[in-house]
Amino acid sequence: MPAQEIIDELFQLFLERGHRHYGEQVTETQHALQCATFARQAGEPAHLVAACLLHDYGHLLHNFGEQIADQGVDARHENIGANYLARYFAEDVVEPIRLHVRAKRYLCWKERAYLDDLSEASLKSLSLQGGPMSDEEARAFEAHPHFASAVSLRRYDDMGKVPDMATLSFEDFRSALEPFVRQPS
């Protein structure tokens, strides 16, 4: 399947399911576009911009509905999304997506101010995701080859919750995705 068709399919799911909220004041689509817009404006490399755009794709794939953390459910959206996207994208895009929840847990361990600044929805999900890392978990995470990208993605994830923010469009990010598309295996 050509890269253009793969990207078209990804964008189509945003059109079909991206209107959902997930505990924040923005939709999945708004959140994805905001995160990627912030990353692009900061001059991040294309693989990180692509990861920012797709990091919550797992929320679009699962059928748990909205506000699942309120129901005490951790959908493990990071794994659902990364496992799906790994068929189509390079590791530099997929692994930060897989690790962005661990990055939140890490930052809660590393920076008290980070924990204090989490939104109510992020705090609820944090408790379901294992809470702040232990010292041992944090040291192991710091050694991961995609640690820095995952932490950067997480920071953009936290920024991308601004109601009514003007963003770039999905088409504006096509060029960030195309170089990392690979044929499904």
N, C-alpha and C. Protein backbone atom coordinates (compact mmCIF):
# COMPACT_ATOMS: atom_id res chain seq x y z
N MET A 1 0.85 -1.18 0.00
CA MET A 1 0.00 0.00 0.00
C MET A 1 0.89 1.24 0.00
N PRO A 2 0.65 2.17 -0.89
CA PRO A 2 1.46 3.40 -0.93
C PRO A 2 1.34 4.21 0.36
N ALA A 3 2.40 4.95 0.66
CA ALA A 3 2.43 5.76 1.88
C ALA A 3 1.23 6.69 1.96
N GLN A 4 0.85 7.27 0.83
CA GLN A 4 -0.28 8.20 0.82
C GLN A 4 -1.56 7.52 1.30
N GLU A 5 -1.79 6.28 0.89
CA GLU A 5 -3.00 5.56 1.30
C GLU A 5 -2.96 5.21 2.79
N ILE A 6 -1.80 4.84 3.29
CA ILE A 6 -1.67 4.54 4.72
C ILE A 6 -2.00 5.79 5.54
N ILE A 7 -1.44 6.90 5.14
CA ILE A 7 -1.69 8.16 5.86
C ILE A 7 -3.16 8.56 5.73
N ASP A 8 -3.74 8.38 4.55
CA ASP A 8 -5.16 8.68 4.36
C ASP A 8 -6.02 7.87 5.34
N GLU A 9 -5.70 6.59 5.52
CA GLU A 9 -6.45 5.74 6.45
C GLU A 9 -6.33 6.25 7.89
N LEU A 10 -5.13 6.65 8.26
CA LEU A 10 -4.94 7.19 9.62
C LEU A 10 -5.76 8.45 9.81
N PHE A 11 -5.70 9.34 8.86
CA PHE A 11 -6.46 10.60 8.96
C PHE A 11 -7.96 10.32 8.97
N GLN A 12 -8.41 9.31 8.23
CA GLN A 12 -9.83 8.98 8.18
C GLN A 12 -10.35 8.58 9.56
N LEU A 13 -9.57 7.84 10.32
CA LEU A 13 -10.03 7.44 11.65
C LEU A 13 -10.15 8.66 12.56
N PHE A 14 -9.28 9.63 12.40
CA PHE A 14 -9.45 10.88 13.15
C PHE A 14 -10.78 11.55 12.77
N LEU A 15 -11.12 11.53 11.49
CA LEU A 15 -12.39 12.12 11.05
C LEU A 15 -13.58 11.38 11.65
N GLU A 16 -13.47 10.06 11.74
CA GLU A 16 -14.58 9.25 12.23
C GLU A 16 -14.70 9.24 13.75
N ARG A 17 -13.58 9.24 14.45
CA ARG A 17 -13.62 9.08 15.91
C ARG A 17 -12.94 10.19 16.69
N GLY A 18 -12.31 11.11 16.01
CA GLY A 18 -11.52 12.13 16.69
C GLY A 18 -12.33 13.18 17.41
N HIS A 19 -13.64 13.16 17.27
CA HIS A 19 -14.51 14.13 17.96
C HIS A 19 -14.67 13.80 19.44
N ARG A 20 -14.23 12.61 19.84
CA ARG A 20 -14.41 12.17 21.22
C ARG A 20 -13.49 12.94 22.16
N HIS A 21 -13.98 13.11 23.37
CA HIS A 21 -13.18 13.70 24.43
C HIS A 21 -12.61 12.56 25.27
N TYR A 22 -11.59 12.84 26.03
CA TYR A 22 -10.95 11.80 26.83
C TYR A 22 -10.67 12.30 28.24
N GLY A 23 -11.50 13.19 28.73
CA GLY A 23 -11.31 13.71 30.08
C GLY A 23 -10.75 15.11 30.11
N GLU A 24 -10.37 15.63 28.95
CA GLU A 24 -9.83 16.98 28.85
C GLU A 24 -10.85 17.87 28.14
N GLN A 25 -10.53 19.14 28.01
CA GLN A 25 -11.43 20.11 27.39
C GLN A 25 -11.25 20.19 25.87
N VAL A 26 -10.55 19.23 25.30
CA VAL A 26 -10.33 19.18 23.85
C VAL A 26 -10.69 17.79 23.34
N THR A 27 -10.93 17.69 22.05
CA THR A 27 -11.20 16.40 21.43
C THR A 27 -9.88 15.70 21.12
N GLU A 28 -9.97 14.44 20.74
CA GLU A 28 -8.77 13.70 20.33
C GLU A 28 -8.10 14.39 19.14
N THR A 29 -8.90 14.85 18.20
CA THR A 29 -8.34 15.53 17.02
C THR A 29 -7.64 16.83 17.42
N GLN A 30 -8.30 17.65 18.21
CA GLN A 30 -7.68 18.90 18.66
C GLN A 30 -6.37 18.62 19.40
N HIS A 31 -6.40 17.62 20.26
CA HIS A 31 -5.22 17.28 21.06
C HIS A 31 -4.06 16.85 20.16
N ALA A 32 -4.33 15.97 19.21
CA ALA A 32 -3.27 15.49 18.30
C ALA A 32 -2.67 16.65 17.51
N LEU A 33 -3.52 17.48 16.95
CA LEU A 33 -3.04 18.60 16.15
C LEU A 33 -2.29 19.63 16.99
N GLN A 34 -2.74 19.86 18.21
CA GLN A 34 -2.03 20.79 19.09
C GLN A 34 -0.65 20.27 19.44
N CYS A 35 -0.56 19.01 19.83
CA CYS A 35 0.74 18.45 20.21
C CYS A 35 1.73 18.54 19.05
N ALA A 36 1.28 18.15 17.87
CA ALA A 36 2.15 18.19 16.69
C ALA A 36 2.50 19.63 16.31
N THR A 37 1.55 20.53 16.44
CA THR A 37 1.81 21.94 16.14
C THR A 37 2.87 22.51 17.08
N PHE A 38 2.73 22.23 18.37
CA PHE A 38 3.73 22.70 19.34
C PHE A 38 5.12 22.13 19.01
N ALA A 39 5.18 20.85 18.67
CA ALA A 39 6.47 20.22 18.35
C ALA A 39 7.09 20.84 17.10
N ARG A 40 6.27 21.06 16.09
CA ARG A 40 6.79 21.67 14.86
C ARG A 40 7.27 23.09 15.13
N GLN A 41 6.49 23.87 15.88
CA GLN A 41 6.88 25.25 16.19
C GLN A 41 8.18 25.31 16.98
N ALA A 42 8.45 24.27 17.77
CA ALA A 42 9.68 24.21 18.56
C ALA A 42 10.87 23.72 17.74
N GLY A 43 10.63 23.34 16.48
CA GLY A 43 11.72 22.89 15.62
C GLY A 43 12.15 21.46 15.86
N GLU A 44 11.25 20.65 16.40
CA GLU A 44 11.58 19.24 16.66
C GLU A 44 11.77 18.48 15.35
N PRO A 45 12.55 17.39 15.39
CA PRO A 45 12.73 16.58 14.18
C PRO A 45 11.40 15.95 13.74
N ALA A 46 11.33 15.63 12.45
CA ALA A 46 10.08 15.13 11.87
C ALA A 46 9.57 13.88 12.57
N HIS A 47 10.47 12.98 13.01
CA HIS A 47 9.98 11.76 13.66
C HIS A 47 9.23 12.08 14.95
N LEU A 48 9.67 13.11 15.67
CA LEU A 48 9.00 13.49 16.92
C LEU A 48 7.69 14.21 16.63
N VAL A 49 7.66 15.03 15.60
CA VAL A 49 6.41 15.68 15.19
C VAL A 49 5.38 14.61 14.82
N ALA A 50 5.82 13.60 14.06
CA ALA A 50 4.93 12.51 13.68
C ALA A 50 4.43 11.75 14.91
N ALA A 51 5.32 11.48 15.84
CA ALA A 51 4.93 10.78 17.07
C ALA A 51 3.93 11.61 17.87
N CYS A 52 4.14 12.91 17.93
CA CYS A 52 3.20 13.79 18.65
C CYS A 52 1.82 13.74 18.01
N LEU A 53 1.77 13.72 16.69
CA LEU A 53 0.49 13.68 16.00
C LEU A 53 -0.26 12.37 16.29
N LEU A 54 0.47 11.27 16.38
CA LEU A 54 -0.16 9.95 16.47
C LEU A 54 -0.12 9.33 17.86
N HIS A 55 0.39 10.03 18.86
CA HIS A 55 0.66 9.39 20.15
C HIS A 55 -0.57 8.81 20.85
N ASP A 56 -1.74 9.36 20.62
CA ASP A 56 -2.95 8.84 21.26
C ASP A 56 -3.84 8.08 20.28
N TYR A 57 -3.26 7.61 19.19
CA TYR A 57 -4.03 6.89 18.17
C TYR A 57 -4.73 5.67 18.77
N GLY A 58 -4.15 5.09 19.79
CA GLY A 58 -4.77 3.95 20.46
C GLY A 58 -6.14 4.27 21.03
N HIS A 59 -6.36 5.52 21.43
CA HIS A 59 -7.69 5.92 21.91
C HIS A 59 -8.73 5.83 20.79
N LEU A 60 -8.31 6.06 19.56
CA LEU A 60 -9.23 5.96 18.43
C LEU A 60 -9.53 4.51 18.07
N LEU A 61 -8.61 3.63 18.38
CA LEU A 61 -8.75 2.22 18.01
C LEU A 61 -9.58 1.42 19.00
N HIS A 62 -9.52 1.77 20.27
CA HIS A 62 -10.27 0.97 21.26
C HIS A 62 -11.73 1.41 21.31
N ASN A 63 -12.55 0.56 21.88
CA ASN A 63 -13.99 0.83 21.96
C ASN A 63 -14.46 1.00 23.39
N PHE A 64 -13.60 1.54 24.24
CA PHE A 64 -13.97 1.74 25.64
C PHE A 64 -14.81 2.99 25.84
N GLY A 65 -14.90 3.84 24.83
CA GLY A 65 -15.67 5.07 24.96
C GLY A 65 -14.86 6.19 25.58
N GLU A 66 -15.57 7.24 25.95
CA GLU A 66 -14.94 8.42 26.54
C GLU A 66 -14.87 8.28 28.05
N GLN A 67 -14.01 9.06 28.67
CA GLN A 67 -13.91 9.15 30.14
C GLN A 67 -13.66 7.78 30.79
N ILE A 68 -12.85 6.95 30.17
CA ILE A 68 -12.66 5.60 30.70
C ILE A 68 -11.93 5.59 32.03
N ALA A 69 -11.08 6.57 32.29
CA ALA A 69 -10.39 6.62 33.58
C ALA A 69 -11.39 6.80 34.71
N ASP A 70 -12.48 7.51 34.45
CA ASP A 70 -13.52 7.68 35.47
C ASP A 70 -14.17 6.35 35.83
N GLN A 71 -14.08 5.40 34.93
CA GLN A 71 -14.64 4.06 35.16
C GLN A 71 -13.60 3.11 35.75
N GLY A 72 -12.41 3.63 36.03
CA GLY A 72 -11.35 2.81 36.61
C GLY A 72 -10.66 1.90 35.61
N VAL A 73 -10.68 2.27 34.34
CA VAL A 73 -10.11 1.44 33.29
C VAL A 73 -8.88 2.12 32.69
N ASP A 74 -7.79 1.37 32.61
CA ASP A 74 -6.62 1.81 31.85
C ASP A 74 -6.64 1.02 30.55
N ALA A 75 -6.98 1.67 29.46
CA ALA A 75 -7.10 0.99 28.17
C ALA A 75 -5.75 0.62 27.57
N ARG A 76 -4.66 1.11 28.18
CA ARG A 76 -3.32 0.88 27.65
C ARG A 76 -3.24 1.35 26.19
N HIS A 77 -3.79 2.53 25.98
CA HIS A 77 -3.86 3.08 24.63
C HIS A 77 -2.50 3.23 23.98
N GLU A 78 -1.46 3.44 24.80
CA GLU A 78 -0.13 3.61 24.24
C GLU A 78 0.34 2.33 23.55
N ASN A 79 0.01 1.17 24.13
CA ASN A 79 0.39 -0.10 23.52
C ASN A 79 -0.51 -0.44 22.33
N ILE A 80 -1.81 -0.18 22.48
CA ILE A 80 -2.73 -0.43 21.37
C ILE A 80 -2.28 0.37 20.14
N GLY A 81 -2.02 1.65 20.35
CA GLY A 81 -1.61 2.51 19.25
C GLY A 81 -0.26 2.12 18.68
N ALA A 82 0.72 1.91 19.54
CA ALA A 82 2.06 1.58 19.07
C ALA A 82 2.08 0.25 18.32
N ASN A 83 1.37 -0.74 18.84
CA ASN A 83 1.34 -2.04 18.16
C ASN A 83 0.71 -1.93 16.77
N TYR A 84 -0.34 -1.14 16.66
CA TYR A 84 -0.99 -0.94 15.36
C TYR A 84 -0.07 -0.16 14.42
N LEU A 85 0.47 0.94 14.91
CA LEU A 85 1.29 1.82 14.07
C LEU A 85 2.62 1.18 13.68
N ALA A 86 3.10 0.21 14.45
CA ALA A 86 4.38 -0.45 14.15
C ALA A 86 4.33 -1.17 12.81
N ARG A 87 3.15 -1.51 12.34
CA ARG A 87 3.03 -2.15 11.02
C ARG A 87 3.37 -1.17 9.90
N TYR A 88 3.24 0.13 10.18
CA TYR A 88 3.35 1.14 9.13
C TYR A 88 4.49 2.13 9.31
N PHE A 89 4.99 2.27 10.53
CA PHE A 89 5.94 3.35 10.79
C PHE A 89 7.23 2.84 11.42
N ALA A 90 8.28 3.62 11.21
CA ALA A 90 9.60 3.32 11.75
C ALA A 90 9.59 3.41 13.27
N GLU A 91 10.55 2.75 13.85
CA GLU A 91 10.70 2.70 15.31
C GLU A 91 10.83 4.09 15.93
N ASP A 92 11.49 5.01 15.26
CA ASP A 92 11.67 6.36 15.81
C ASP A 92 10.35 7.09 16.03
N VAL A 93 9.32 6.70 15.30
CA VAL A 93 7.98 7.25 15.49
C VAL A 93 7.22 6.44 16.53
N VAL A 94 7.30 5.13 16.42
CA VAL A 94 6.46 4.24 17.24
C VAL A 94 6.90 4.15 18.69
N GLU A 95 8.19 4.05 18.95
CA GLU A 95 8.63 3.83 20.33
C GLU A 95 8.33 4.99 21.27
N PRO A 96 8.50 6.25 20.87
CA PRO A 96 8.07 7.32 21.78
C PRO A 96 6.57 7.24 22.10
N ILE A 97 5.77 6.79 21.14
CA ILE A 97 4.34 6.60 21.38
C ILE A 97 4.14 5.53 22.44
N ARG A 98 4.83 4.41 22.28
CA ARG A 98 4.71 3.31 23.24
C ARG A 98 5.14 3.74 24.64
N LEU A 99 6.07 4.67 24.71
CA LEU A 99 6.67 5.06 25.99
C LEU A 99 6.09 6.32 26.62
N HIS A 100 5.13 6.98 25.98
CA HIS A 100 4.72 8.29 26.51
C HIS A 100 4.00 8.21 27.85
N VAL A 101 3.36 7.10 28.16
CA VAL A 101 2.76 6.95 29.49
C VAL A 101 3.86 6.72 30.52
N ARG A 102 4.84 5.91 30.17
CA ARG A 102 5.98 5.72 31.08
C ARG A 102 6.70 7.04 31.31
N ALA A 103 6.76 7.88 30.28
CA ALA A 103 7.40 9.19 30.44
C ALA A 103 6.64 10.04 31.46
N LYS A 104 5.32 9.96 31.46
CA LYS A 104 4.54 10.69 32.48
C LYS A 104 4.89 10.17 33.87
N ARG A 105 4.93 8.87 34.01
CA ARG A 105 5.27 8.27 35.31
C ARG A 105 6.68 8.69 35.74
N TYR A 106 7.59 8.73 34.77
CA TYR A 106 8.97 9.15 35.05
C TYR A 106 9.01 10.60 35.52
N LEU A 107 8.36 11.48 34.78
CA LEU A 107 8.39 12.90 35.13
C LEU A 107 7.74 13.16 36.49
N CYS A 108 6.75 12.37 36.85
CA CYS A 108 6.15 12.50 38.18
C CYS A 108 7.15 12.09 39.26
N TRP A 109 8.02 11.14 38.95
CA TRP A 109 9.08 10.73 39.88
C TRP A 109 10.17 11.80 39.94
N LYS A 110 10.53 12.35 38.78
CA LYS A 110 11.68 13.24 38.66
C LYS A 110 11.40 14.67 39.13
N GLU A 111 10.22 15.18 38.83
CA GLU A 111 9.92 16.60 39.05
C GLU A 111 8.62 16.76 39.84
N ARG A 112 8.73 17.16 41.08
CA ARG A 112 7.53 17.36 41.90
C ARG A 112 6.58 18.37 41.26
N ALA A 113 7.11 19.42 40.66
CA ALA A 113 6.26 20.43 40.03
C ALA A 113 5.47 19.83 38.86
N TYR A 114 6.06 18.87 38.18
CA TYR A 114 5.35 18.21 37.08
C TYR A 114 4.10 17.51 37.61
N LEU A 115 4.29 16.75 38.66
CA LEU A 115 3.16 16.04 39.28
C LEU A 115 2.09 17.03 39.74
N ASP A 116 2.52 18.11 40.36
CA ASP A 116 1.57 19.11 40.87
C ASP A 116 0.79 19.80 39.75
N ASP A 117 1.37 19.86 38.55
CA ASP A 117 0.73 20.57 37.44
C ASP A 117 -0.14 19.68 36.55
N LEU A 118 -0.20 18.39 36.82
CA LEU A 118 -1.02 17.51 35.98
C LEU A 118 -2.49 17.88 36.08
N SER A 119 -3.18 17.74 34.96
CA SER A 119 -4.63 17.99 34.95
C SER A 119 -5.32 16.90 35.77
N GLU A 120 -6.55 17.16 36.12
CA GLU A 120 -7.33 16.18 36.89
C GLU A 120 -7.43 14.85 36.14
N ALA A 121 -7.67 14.92 34.83
CA ALA A 121 -7.77 13.70 34.03
C ALA A 121 -6.44 12.94 34.01
N SER A 122 -5.32 13.66 33.92
CA SER A 122 -4.01 13.00 33.92
C SER A 122 -3.71 12.37 35.27
N LEU A 123 -4.14 13.01 36.34
CA LEU A 123 -3.94 12.43 37.67
C LEU A 123 -4.75 11.14 37.83
N LYS A 124 -5.98 11.14 37.34
CA LYS A 124 -6.80 9.92 37.41
C LYS A 124 -6.14 8.79 36.65
N SER A 125 -5.71 9.09 35.43
CA SER A 125 -5.10 8.03 34.62
C SER A 125 -3.76 7.60 35.21
N LEU A 126 -3.02 8.52 35.81
CA LEU A 126 -1.74 8.17 36.43
C LEU A 126 -1.91 7.09 37.48
N SER A 127 -2.94 7.21 38.29
CA SER A 127 -3.15 6.20 39.34
C SER A 127 -3.44 4.84 38.73
N LEU A 128 -4.11 4.80 37.59
CA LEU A 128 -4.40 3.53 36.91
C LEU A 128 -3.17 2.98 36.18
N GLN A 129 -2.23 3.87 35.86
CA GLN A 129 -1.05 3.48 35.08
C GLN A 129 0.14 3.11 35.96
N GLY A 130 -0.04 3.10 37.26
CA GLY A 130 1.03 2.66 38.16
C GLY A 130 1.62 3.75 39.01
N GLY A 131 1.16 4.99 38.86
CA GLY A 131 1.69 6.08 39.67
C GLY A 131 3.11 6.44 39.27
N PRO A 132 3.74 7.34 40.02
CA PRO A 132 5.13 7.71 39.72
C PRO A 132 6.04 6.47 39.75
N MET A 133 7.07 6.50 38.93
CA MET A 133 8.01 5.38 38.88
C MET A 133 8.76 5.24 40.20
N SER A 134 9.24 4.05 40.43
CA SER A 134 10.18 3.82 41.52
C SER A 134 11.56 4.26 41.05
N ASP A 135 12.51 4.37 41.98
CA ASP A 135 13.88 4.73 41.60
C ASP A 135 14.44 3.74 40.57
N GLU A 136 14.19 2.47 40.79
CA GLU A 136 14.71 1.43 39.90
C GLU A 136 14.08 1.54 38.50
N GLU A 137 12.77 1.74 38.45
CA GLU A 137 12.10 1.91 37.15
C GLU A 137 12.64 3.13 36.42
N ALA A 138 12.84 4.22 37.15
CA ALA A 138 13.32 5.47 36.54
C ALA A 138 14.72 5.30 35.96
N ARG A 139 15.60 4.64 36.69
CA ARG A 139 16.96 4.42 36.18
C ARG A 139 16.93 3.58 34.90
N ALA A 140 16.11 2.55 34.90
CA ALA A 140 16.00 1.70 33.71
C ALA A 140 15.42 2.50 32.53
N PHE A 141 14.44 3.33 32.80
CA PHE A 141 13.82 4.13 31.75
C PHE A 141 14.81 5.13 31.16
N GLU A 142 15.62 5.74 32.00
CA GLU A 142 16.63 6.70 31.52
C GLU A 142 17.62 6.05 30.56
N ALA A 143 17.81 4.75 30.65
CA ALA A 143 18.75 4.04 29.78
C ALA A 143 18.11 3.60 28.46
N HIS A 144 16.82 3.76 28.32
CA HIS A 144 16.12 3.33 27.11
C HIS A 144 16.55 4.21 25.93
N PRO A 145 16.79 3.63 24.76
CA PRO A 145 17.25 4.43 23.62
C PRO A 145 16.26 5.51 23.15
N HIS A 146 14.99 5.37 23.47
CA HIS A 146 14.00 6.36 23.06
C HIS A 146 13.51 7.21 24.24
N PHE A 147 14.28 7.20 25.31
CA PHE A 147 13.93 7.96 26.52
C PHE A 147 13.70 9.44 26.22
N ALA A 148 14.67 10.09 25.59
CA ALA A 148 14.59 11.54 25.37
C ALA A 148 13.39 11.91 24.50
N SER A 149 13.15 11.15 23.44
CA SER A 149 12.01 11.43 22.57
C SER A 149 10.69 11.22 23.31
N ALA A 150 10.63 10.19 24.14
CA ALA A 150 9.40 9.92 24.90
C ALA A 150 9.10 11.04 25.88
N VAL A 151 10.13 11.54 26.55
CA VAL A 151 9.93 12.64 27.50
C VAL A 151 9.52 13.92 26.76
N SER A 152 10.14 14.19 25.63
CA SER A 152 9.75 15.36 24.84
C SER A 152 8.30 15.24 24.38
N LEU A 153 7.94 14.07 23.85
CA LEU A 153 6.56 13.85 23.43
C LEU A 153 5.61 14.10 24.59
N ARG A 154 5.96 13.60 25.76
CA ARG A 154 5.09 13.76 26.93
C ARG A 154 4.87 15.23 27.27
N ARG A 155 5.89 16.01 27.15
CA ARG A 155 5.74 17.44 27.47
C ARG A 155 4.80 18.12 26.46
N TYR A 156 4.90 17.74 25.19
CA TYR A 156 3.95 18.28 24.21
C TYR A 156 2.54 17.75 24.47
N ASP A 157 2.45 16.51 24.90
CA ASP A 157 1.17 15.91 25.27
C ASP A 157 0.49 16.76 26.35
N ASP A 158 1.24 17.17 27.32
CA ASP A 158 0.68 17.99 28.41
C ASP A 158 0.29 19.39 27.94
N MET A 159 0.97 19.89 26.94
CA MET A 159 0.67 21.23 26.42
C MET A 159 -0.59 21.23 25.56
N GLY A 160 -0.87 20.14 24.90
CA GLY A 160 -1.93 20.08 23.89
C GLY A 160 -3.33 19.92 24.44
N LYS A 161 -3.73 20.81 25.31
CA LYS A 161 -5.05 20.73 25.95
C LYS A 161 -5.70 22.10 26.02
N VAL A 162 -5.53 22.89 24.96
CA VAL A 162 -5.99 24.28 24.94
C VAL A 162 -7.29 24.37 24.13
N PRO A 163 -8.42 24.62 24.78
CA PRO A 163 -9.68 24.73 24.02
C PRO A 163 -9.59 25.82 22.95
N ASP A 164 -10.08 25.51 21.77
CA ASP A 164 -10.20 26.47 20.66
C ASP A 164 -8.88 27.02 20.14
N MET A 165 -7.78 26.33 20.37
CA MET A 165 -6.50 26.78 19.84
C MET A 165 -6.45 26.56 18.32
N ALA A 166 -5.96 27.54 17.61
CA ALA A 166 -5.74 27.39 16.16
C ALA A 166 -4.51 26.52 15.94
N THR A 167 -4.63 25.54 15.06
CA THR A 167 -3.53 24.62 14.79
C THR A 167 -3.34 24.46 13.29
N LEU A 168 -2.28 23.79 12.95
CA LEU A 168 -2.11 23.33 11.58
C LEU A 168 -3.12 22.22 11.33
N SER A 169 -3.30 21.83 10.07
CA SER A 169 -4.25 20.77 9.73
C SER A 169 -3.51 19.44 9.60
N PHE A 170 -4.26 18.35 9.49
CA PHE A 170 -3.62 17.06 9.26
C PHE A 170 -2.77 17.09 8.00
N GLU A 171 -3.27 17.70 6.94
CA GLU A 171 -2.51 17.76 5.69
C GLU A 171 -1.17 18.47 5.87
N ASP A 172 -1.12 19.42 6.78
CA ASP A 172 0.14 20.11 7.05
C ASP A 172 1.20 19.17 7.63
N PHE A 173 0.76 18.04 8.18
CA PHE A 173 1.70 17.10 8.79
C PHE A 173 2.00 15.88 7.92
N ARG A 174 1.38 15.82 6.77
CA ARG A 174 1.61 14.67 5.88
C ARG A 174 3.10 14.51 5.59
N SER A 175 3.78 15.62 5.33
CA SER A 175 5.22 15.55 5.00
C SER A 175 6.06 15.07 6.18
N ALA A 176 5.57 15.25 7.40
CA ALA A 176 6.30 14.73 8.56
C ALA A 176 6.12 13.22 8.68
N LEU A 177 5.00 12.71 8.22
CA LEU A 177 4.72 11.27 8.32
C LEU A 177 5.35 10.47 7.19
N GLU A 178 5.29 10.98 5.97
CA GLU A 178 5.68 10.21 4.79
C GLU A 178 7.06 9.56 4.86
N PRO A 179 8.11 10.24 5.33
CA PRO A 179 9.43 9.60 5.33
C PRO A 179 9.53 8.38 6.26
N PHE A 180 8.60 8.25 7.18
CA PHE A 180 8.69 7.18 8.17
C PHE A 180 7.74 6.02 7.89
N VAL A 181 6.96 6.12 6.82
CA VAL A 181 6.04 5.04 6.47
C VAL A 181 6.83 3.90 5.85
N ARG A 182 6.52 2.71 6.30
CA ARG A 182 7.10 1.51 5.69
C ARG A 182 5.96 0.59 5.32
N GLN A 183 6.21 -0.34 4.47
CA GLN A 183 5.15 -1.24 4.02
C GLN A 183 4.80 -2.23 5.12
N PRO A 184 3.52 -2.52 5.29
CA PRO A 184 3.10 -3.47 6.34
C PRO A 184 3.80 -4.81 6.16
N SER A 185 4.14 -5.38 7.31
CA SER A 185 4.82 -6.69 7.25
C SER A 185 3.84 -7.81 7.51
